[in-house]
Amino acid sequence: MKTSGRNQLRGNVLSVETDGIMAKVKVDIGAQNIVTSIITKDAVDDLGLAKGDQVGVLIKSTSVMITK
């Protein structure tokens, strides 16, 4: 996958909490740091996100995205 995002981190999904059409995803990026991102439930389903998955976290000036 290619992306224009320059700030890329890797981590493991700690939790995925869905509420209606939105979801809160917490990712452990190491050194006692956790990134929390609010994404759509459709994005969670499309990526097949689940606790324990290794994922990428892309941080842009206007948003934080989750990749798998």
PDB file of N, CA and C in Angstrom:
ATOM      1  N   MET A   1       0.838  -1.172   0.000  1.00  0.00           N
ATOM      2  CA  MET A   1       0.000   0.000   0.000  1.00  0.00           C
ATOM      3  C   MET A   1       0.881   1.233   0.000  1.00  0.00           C
ATOM      4  N   LYS A   2       0.623   2.177  -0.888  1.00  0.00           N
ATOM      5  CA  LYS A   2       1.334   3.448  -0.905  1.00  0.00           C
ATOM      6  C   LYS A   2       0.439   4.522  -0.310  1.00  0.00           C
ATOM      7  N   THR A   3       1.062   5.459   0.395  1.00  0.00           N
ATOM      8  CA  THR A   3       0.306   6.547   1.003  1.00  0.00           C
ATOM      9  C   THR A   3       1.168   7.793   1.056  1.00  0.00           C
ATOM     10  N   SER A   4       0.513   8.944   1.121  1.00  0.00           N
ATOM     11  CA  SER A   4       1.257  10.195   1.249  1.00  0.00           C
ATOM     12  C   SER A   4       1.559  10.518   2.708  1.00  0.00           C
ATOM     13  N   GLY A   5       0.984   9.750   3.639  1.00  0.00           N
ATOM     14  CA  GLY A   5       1.231   9.983   5.061  1.00  0.00           C
ATOM     15  C   GLY A   5       2.684   9.731   5.412  1.00  0.00           C
ATOM     16  N   ARG A   6       3.324  10.698   6.025  1.00  0.00           N
ATOM     17  CA  ARG A   6       4.745  10.571   6.361  1.00  0.00           C
ATOM     18  C   ARG A   6       4.969  10.039   7.774  1.00  0.00           C
ATOM     19  N   ASN A   7       4.029  10.257   8.664  1.00  0.00           N
ATOM     20  CA  ASN A   7       4.170   9.823  10.047  1.00  0.00           C
ATOM     21  C   ASN A   7       3.462   8.486  10.208  1.00  0.00           C
ATOM     22  N   GLN A   8       4.235   7.400  10.098  1.00  0.00           N
ATOM     23  CA  GLN A   8       3.676   6.059  10.143  1.00  0.00           C
ATOM     24  C   GLN A   8       4.245   5.294  11.329  1.00  0.00           C
ATOM     25  N   LEU A   9       3.355   4.667  12.097  1.00  0.00           N
ATOM     26  CA  LEU A   9       3.739   3.878  13.258  1.00  0.00           C
ATOM     27  C   LEU A   9       3.136   2.489  13.115  1.00  0.00           C
ATOM     28  N   ARG A  10       3.726   1.507  13.764  1.00  0.00           N
ATOM     29  CA  ARG A  10       3.179   0.150  13.800  1.00  0.00           C
ATOM     30  C   ARG A  10       2.775  -0.151  15.232  1.00  0.00           C
ATOM     31  N   GLY A  11       1.760  -0.965  15.393  1.00  0.00           N
ATOM     32  CA  GLY A  11       1.329  -1.331  16.727  1.00  0.00           C
ATOM     33  C   GLY A  11       0.335  -2.470  16.697  1.00  0.00           C
ATOM     34  N   ASN A  12      -0.153  -2.812  17.880  1.00  0.00           N
ATOM     35  CA  ASN A  12      -1.125  -3.892  18.032  1.00  0.00           C
ATOM     36  C   ASN A  12      -2.434  -3.339  18.570  1.00  0.00           C
ATOM     37  N   VAL A  13      -3.543  -3.809  17.995  1.00  0.00           N
ATOM     38  CA  VAL A  13      -4.861  -3.355  18.422  1.00  0.00           C
ATOM     39  C   VAL A  13      -5.128  -3.855  19.840  1.00  0.00           C
ATOM     40  N   LEU A  14      -5.414  -2.908  20.739  1.00  0.00           N
ATOM     41  CA  LEU A  14      -5.775  -3.252  22.116  1.00  0.00           C
ATOM     42  C   LEU A  14      -7.268  -3.495  22.241  1.00  0.00           C
ATOM     43  N   SER A  15      -8.061  -2.671  21.533  1.00  0.00           N
ATOM     44  CA  SER A  15      -9.513  -2.819  21.612  1.00  0.00           C
ATOM     45  C   SER A  15     -10.176  -2.158  20.417  1.00  0.00           C
ATOM     46  N   VAL A  16     -11.367  -2.668  20.105  1.00  0.00           N
ATOM     47  CA  VAL A  16     -12.233  -2.085  19.081  1.00  0.00           C
ATOM     48  C   VAL A  16     -13.622  -2.001  19.703  1.00  0.00           C
ATOM     49  N   GLU A  17     -14.112  -0.778  19.898  1.00  0.00           N
ATOM     50  CA  GLU A  17     -15.435  -0.571  20.486  1.00  0.00           C
ATOM     51  C   GLU A  17     -16.324   0.093  19.448  1.00  0.00           C
ATOM     52  N   THR A  18     -17.399  -0.598  19.046  1.00  0.00           N
ATOM     53  CA  THR A  18     -18.306  -0.020  18.060  1.00  0.00           C
ATOM     54  C   THR A  18     -19.528   0.558  18.755  1.00  0.00           C
ATOM     55  N   ASP A  19     -20.054   1.645  18.167  1.00  0.00           N
ATOM     56  CA  ASP A  19     -21.255   2.300  18.682  1.00  0.00           C
ATOM     57  C   ASP A  19     -21.977   2.906  17.487  1.00  0.00           C
ATOM     58  N   GLY A  20     -23.001   2.213  17.025  1.00  0.00           N
ATOM     59  CA  GLY A  20     -23.708   2.690  15.839  1.00  0.00           C
ATOM     60  C   GLY A  20     -22.834   2.557  14.604  1.00  0.00           C
ATOM     61  N   ILE A  21     -22.641   3.680  13.899  1.00  0.00           N
ATOM     62  CA  ILE A  21     -21.847   3.649  12.667  1.00  0.00           C
ATOM     63  C   ILE A  21     -20.377   3.985  12.898  1.00  0.00           C
ATOM     64  N   MET A  22     -19.997   4.278  14.148  1.00  0.00           N
ATOM     65  CA  MET A  22     -18.622   4.661  14.463  1.00  0.00           C
ATOM     66  C   MET A  22     -17.962   3.612  15.355  1.00  0.00           C
ATOM     67  N   ALA A  23     -16.621   3.669  15.409  1.00  0.00           N
ATOM     68  CA  ALA A  23     -15.862   2.748  16.253  1.00  0.00           C
ATOM     69  C   ALA A  23     -14.649   3.469  16.832  1.00  0.00           C
ATOM     70  N   LYS A  24     -14.283   3.089  18.054  1.00  0.00           N
ATOM     71  CA  LYS A  24     -13.072   3.601  18.696  1.00  0.00           C
ATOM     72  C   LYS A  24     -12.050   2.472  18.702  1.00  0.00           C
ATOM     73  N   VAL A  25     -10.886   2.728  18.096  1.00  0.00           N
ATOM     74  CA  VAL A  25      -9.829   1.728  18.006  1.00  0.00           C
ATOM     75  C   VAL A  25      -8.632   2.223  18.809  1.00  0.00           C
ATOM     76  N   LYS A  26      -8.174   1.402  19.757  1.00  0.00           N
ATOM     77  CA  LYS A  26      -6.987   1.732  20.544  1.00  0.00           C
ATOM     78  C   LYS A  26      -5.846   0.839  20.082  1.00  0.00           C
ATOM     79  N   VAL A  27      -4.685   1.482  19.790  1.00  0.00           N
ATOM     80  CA  VAL A  27      -3.520   0.767  19.274  1.00  0.00           C
ATOM     81  C   VAL A  27      -2.322   1.035  20.177  1.00  0.00           C
ATOM     82  N   ASP A  28      -1.699  -0.031  20.665  1.00  0.00           N
ATOM     83  CA  ASP A  28      -0.479   0.068  21.469  1.00  0.00           C
ATOM     84  C   ASP A  28       0.699   0.194  20.511  1.00  0.00           C
ATOM     85  N   ILE A  29       1.385   1.356  20.540  1.00  0.00           N
ATOM     86  CA  ILE A  29       2.517   1.579  19.637  1.00  0.00           C
ATOM     87  C   ILE A  29       3.855   1.420  20.360  1.00  0.00           C
ATOM     88  N   GLY A  30       3.820   0.882  21.570  1.00  0.00           N
ATOM     89  CA  GLY A  30       5.048   0.615  22.317  1.00  0.00           C
ATOM     90  C   GLY A  30       5.446   1.752  23.233  1.00  0.00           C
ATOM     91  N   ALA A  31       6.422   1.482  24.081  1.00  0.00           N
ATOM     92  CA  ALA A  31       6.949   2.455  25.044  1.00  0.00           C
ATOM     93  C   ALA A  31       5.823   3.095  25.852  1.00  0.00           C
ATOM     94  N   GLN A  32       4.829   2.283  26.224  1.00  0.00           N
ATOM     95  CA  GLN A  32       3.675   2.717  27.013  1.00  0.00           C
ATOM     96  C   GLN A  32       2.872   3.827  26.332  1.00  0.00           C
ATOM     97  N   ASN A  33       2.814   3.813  24.999  1.00  0.00           N
ATOM     98  CA  ASN A  33       2.041   4.795  24.239  1.00  0.00           C
ATOM     99  C   ASN A  33       0.880   4.105  23.539  1.00  0.00           C
ATOM    100  N   ILE A  34      -0.292   4.725  23.648  1.00  0.00           N
ATOM    101  CA  ILE A  34      -1.498   4.206  23.008  1.00  0.00           C
ATOM    102  C   ILE A  34      -2.085   5.302  22.133  1.00  0.00           C
ATOM    103  N   VAL A  35      -2.401   4.945  20.885  1.00  0.00           N
ATOM    104  CA  VAL A  35      -3.071   5.860  19.964  1.00  0.00           C
ATOM    105  C   VAL A  35      -4.528   5.423  19.886  1.00  0.00           C
ATOM    106  N   THR A  36      -5.443   6.389  20.030  1.00  0.00           N
ATOM    107  CA  THR A  36      -6.869   6.115  19.898  1.00  0.00           C
ATOM    108  C   THR A  36      -7.388   6.842  18.674  1.00  0.00           C
ATOM    109  N   SER A  37      -8.112   6.124  17.828  1.00  0.00           N
ATOM    110  CA  SER A  37      -8.673   6.713  16.612  1.00  0.00           C
ATOM    111  C   SER A  37     -10.157   6.386  16.525  1.00  0.00           C
ATOM    112  N   ILE A  38     -10.946   7.369  16.114  1.00  0.00           N
ATOM    113  CA  ILE A  38     -12.365   7.158  15.847  1.00  0.00           C
ATOM    114  C   ILE A  38     -12.516   6.998  14.339  1.00  0.00           C
ATOM    115  N   ILE A  39     -12.999   5.827  13.916  1.00  0.00           N
ATOM    116  CA  ILE A  39     -13.188   5.548  12.493  1.00  0.00           C
ATOM    117  C   ILE A  39     -14.592   4.971  12.303  1.00  0.00           C
ATOM    118  N   THR A  40     -15.005   4.799  11.066  1.00  0.00           N
ATOM    119  CA  THR A  40     -16.329   4.229  10.828  1.00  0.00           C
ATOM    120  C   THR A  40     -16.329   2.726  11.097  1.00  0.00           C
ATOM    121  N   LYS A  41     -17.511   2.222  11.456  1.00  0.00           N
ATOM    122  CA  LYS A  41     -17.655   0.776  11.636  1.00  0.00           C
ATOM    123  C   LYS A  41     -17.391   0.064  10.315  1.00  0.00           C
ATOM    124  N   ASP A  42     -17.776   0.687   9.199  1.00  0.00           N
ATOM    125  CA  ASP A  42     -17.489   0.100   7.883  1.00  0.00           C
ATOM    126  C   ASP A  42     -15.989  -0.098   7.684  1.00  0.00           C
ATOM    127  N   ALA A  43     -15.167   0.876   8.132  1.00  0.00           N
ATOM    128  CA  ALA A  43     -13.713   0.755   8.006  1.00  0.00           C
ATOM    129  C   ALA A  43     -13.205  -0.413   8.850  1.00  0.00           C
ATOM    130  N   VAL A  44     -13.749  -0.563  10.058  1.00  0.00           N
ATOM    131  CA  VAL A  44     -13.374  -1.695  10.918  1.00  0.00           C
ATOM    132  C   VAL A  44     -13.709  -3.009  10.216  1.00  0.00           C
ATOM    133  N   ASP A  45     -14.908  -3.077   9.651  1.00  0.00           N
ATOM    134  CA  ASP A  45     -15.338  -4.300   8.961  1.00  0.00           C
ATOM    135  C   ASP A  45     -14.489  -4.562   7.716  1.00  0.00           C
ATOM    136  N   ASP A  46     -14.229  -3.513   6.923  1.00  0.00           N
ATOM    137  CA  ASP A  46     -13.431  -3.664   5.698  1.00  0.00           C
ATOM    138  C   ASP A  46     -12.022  -4.166   6.000  1.00  0.00           C
ATOM    139  N   LEU A  47     -11.430  -3.652   7.097  1.00  0.00           N
ATOM    140  CA  LEU A  47     -10.077  -4.056   7.482  1.00  0.00           C
ATOM    141  C   LEU A  47     -10.070  -5.364   8.274  1.00  0.00           C
ATOM    142  N   GLY A  48     -11.231  -5.759   8.772  1.00  0.00           N
ATOM    143  CA  GLY A  48     -11.297  -6.958   9.606  1.00  0.00           C
ATOM    144  C   GLY A  48     -10.554  -6.772  10.911  1.00  0.00           C
ATOM    145  N   LEU A  49     -10.623  -5.563  11.481  1.00  0.00           N
ATOM    146  CA  LEU A  49      -9.861  -5.254  12.695  1.00  0.00           C
ATOM    147  C   LEU A  49     -10.372  -6.040  13.896  1.00  0.00           C
ATOM    148  N   ALA A  50      -9.436  -6.562  14.679  1.00  0.00           N
ATOM    149  CA  ALA A  50      -9.762  -7.287  15.900  1.00  0.00           C
ATOM    150  C   ALA A  50      -8.619  -7.106  16.896  1.00  0.00           C
ATOM    151  N   LYS A  51      -8.946  -7.287  18.165  1.00  0.00           N
ATOM    152  CA  LYS A  51      -7.946  -7.195  19.225  1.00  0.00           C
ATOM    153  C   LYS A  51      -6.775  -8.112  18.899  1.00  0.00           C
ATOM    154  N   GLY A  52      -5.549  -7.584  19.052  1.00  0.00           N
ATOM    155  CA  GLY A  52      -4.344  -8.365  18.812  1.00  0.00           C
ATOM    156  C   GLY A  52      -3.762  -8.220  17.420  1.00  0.00           C
ATOM    157  N   ASP A  53      -4.548  -7.675  16.478  1.00  0.00           N
ATOM    158  CA  ASP A  53      -4.040  -7.481  15.115  1.00  0.00           C
ATOM    159  C   ASP A  53      -2.879  -6.498  15.098  1.00  0.00           C
ATOM    160  N   GLN A  54      -1.881  -6.772  14.252  1.00  0.00           N
ATOM    161  CA  GLN A  54      -0.817  -5.800  14.027  1.00  0.00           C
ATOM    162  C   GLN A  54      -1.293  -4.869  12.916  1.00  0.00           C
ATOM    163  N   VAL A  55      -1.202  -3.554  13.172  1.00  0.00           N
ATOM    164  CA  VAL A  55      -1.706  -2.562  12.226  1.00  0.00           C
ATOM    165  C   VAL A  55      -0.717  -1.415  12.086  1.00  0.00           C
ATOM    166  N   GLY A  56      -0.944  -0.609  11.072  1.00  0.00           N
ATOM    167  CA  GLY A  56      -0.207   0.634  10.904  1.00  0.00           C
ATOM    168  C   GLY A  56      -1.094   1.788  11.320  1.00  0.00           C
ATOM    169  N   VAL A  57      -0.481   2.824  11.859  1.00  0.00           N
ATOM    170  CA  VAL A  57      -1.190   4.046  12.223  1.00  0.00           C
ATOM    171  C   VAL A  57      -0.574   5.170  11.405  1.00  0.00           C
ATOM    172  N   LEU A  58      -1.388   5.822  10.591  1.00  0.00           N
ATOM    173  CA  LEU A  58      -0.925   6.934   9.768  1.00  0.00           C
ATOM    174  C   LEU A  58      -1.430   8.226  10.374  1.00  0.00           C
ATOM    175  N   ILE A  59      -0.518   9.142  10.649  1.00  0.00           N
ATOM    176  CA  ILE A  59      -0.891  10.413  11.263  1.00  0.00           C
ATOM    177  C   ILE A  59      -0.619  11.523  10.266  1.00  0.00           C
ATOM    178  N   LYS A  60      -1.696  12.185   9.849  1.00  0.00           N
ATOM    179  CA  LYS A  60      -1.574  13.344   8.966  1.00  0.00           C
ATOM    180  C   LYS A  60      -1.962  14.573   9.780  1.00  0.00           C
ATOM    181  N   SER A  61      -1.706  15.733   9.240  1.00  0.00           N
ATOM    182  CA  SER A  61      -1.971  16.959   9.989  1.00  0.00           C
ATOM    183  C   SER A  61      -3.442  17.112  10.362  1.00  0.00           C
ATOM    184  N   THR A  62      -4.341  16.485   9.604  1.00  0.00           N
ATOM    185  CA  THR A  62      -5.768  16.629   9.872  1.00  0.00           C
ATOM    186  C   THR A  62      -6.446  15.367  10.371  1.00  0.00           C
ATOM    187  N   SER A  63      -5.726  14.238  10.424  1.00  0.00           N
ATOM    188  CA  SER A  63      -6.399  13.006  10.823  1.00  0.00           C
ATOM    189  C   SER A  63      -5.413  11.911  11.209  1.00  0.00           C
ATOM    190  N   VAL A  64      -5.943  10.888  11.876  1.00  0.00           N
ATOM    191  CA  VAL A  64      -5.199   9.672  12.184  1.00  0.00           C
ATOM    192  C   VAL A  64      -5.955   8.527  11.529  1.00  0.00           C
ATOM    193  N   MET A  65      -5.261   7.697  10.742  1.00  0.00           N
ATOM    194  CA  MET A  65      -5.898   6.587  10.037  1.00  0.00           C
ATOM    195  C   MET A  65      -5.293   5.267  10.488  1.00  0.00           C
ATOM    196  N   ILE A  66      -6.069   4.203  10.369  1.00  0.00           N
ATOM    197  CA  ILE A  66      -5.611   2.863  10.701  1.00  0.00           C
ATOM    198  C   ILE A  66      -5.455   2.063   9.409  1.00  0.00           C
ATOM    199  N   THR A  67      -4.351   1.319   9.283  1.00  0.00           N
ATOM    200  CA  THR A  67      -4.150   0.446   8.125  1.00  0.00           C
ATOM    201  C   THR A  67      -3.881  -0.970   8.599  1.00  0.00           C
ATOM    202  N   LYS A  68      -4.085  -1.908   7.722  1.00  0.00           N
ATOM    203  CA  LYS A  68      -3.789  -3.310   8.078  1.00  0.00           C
ATOM    204  C   LYS A  68      -3.223  -4.016   6.880  1.00  0.00           C
TER     205      LYS A  68
END
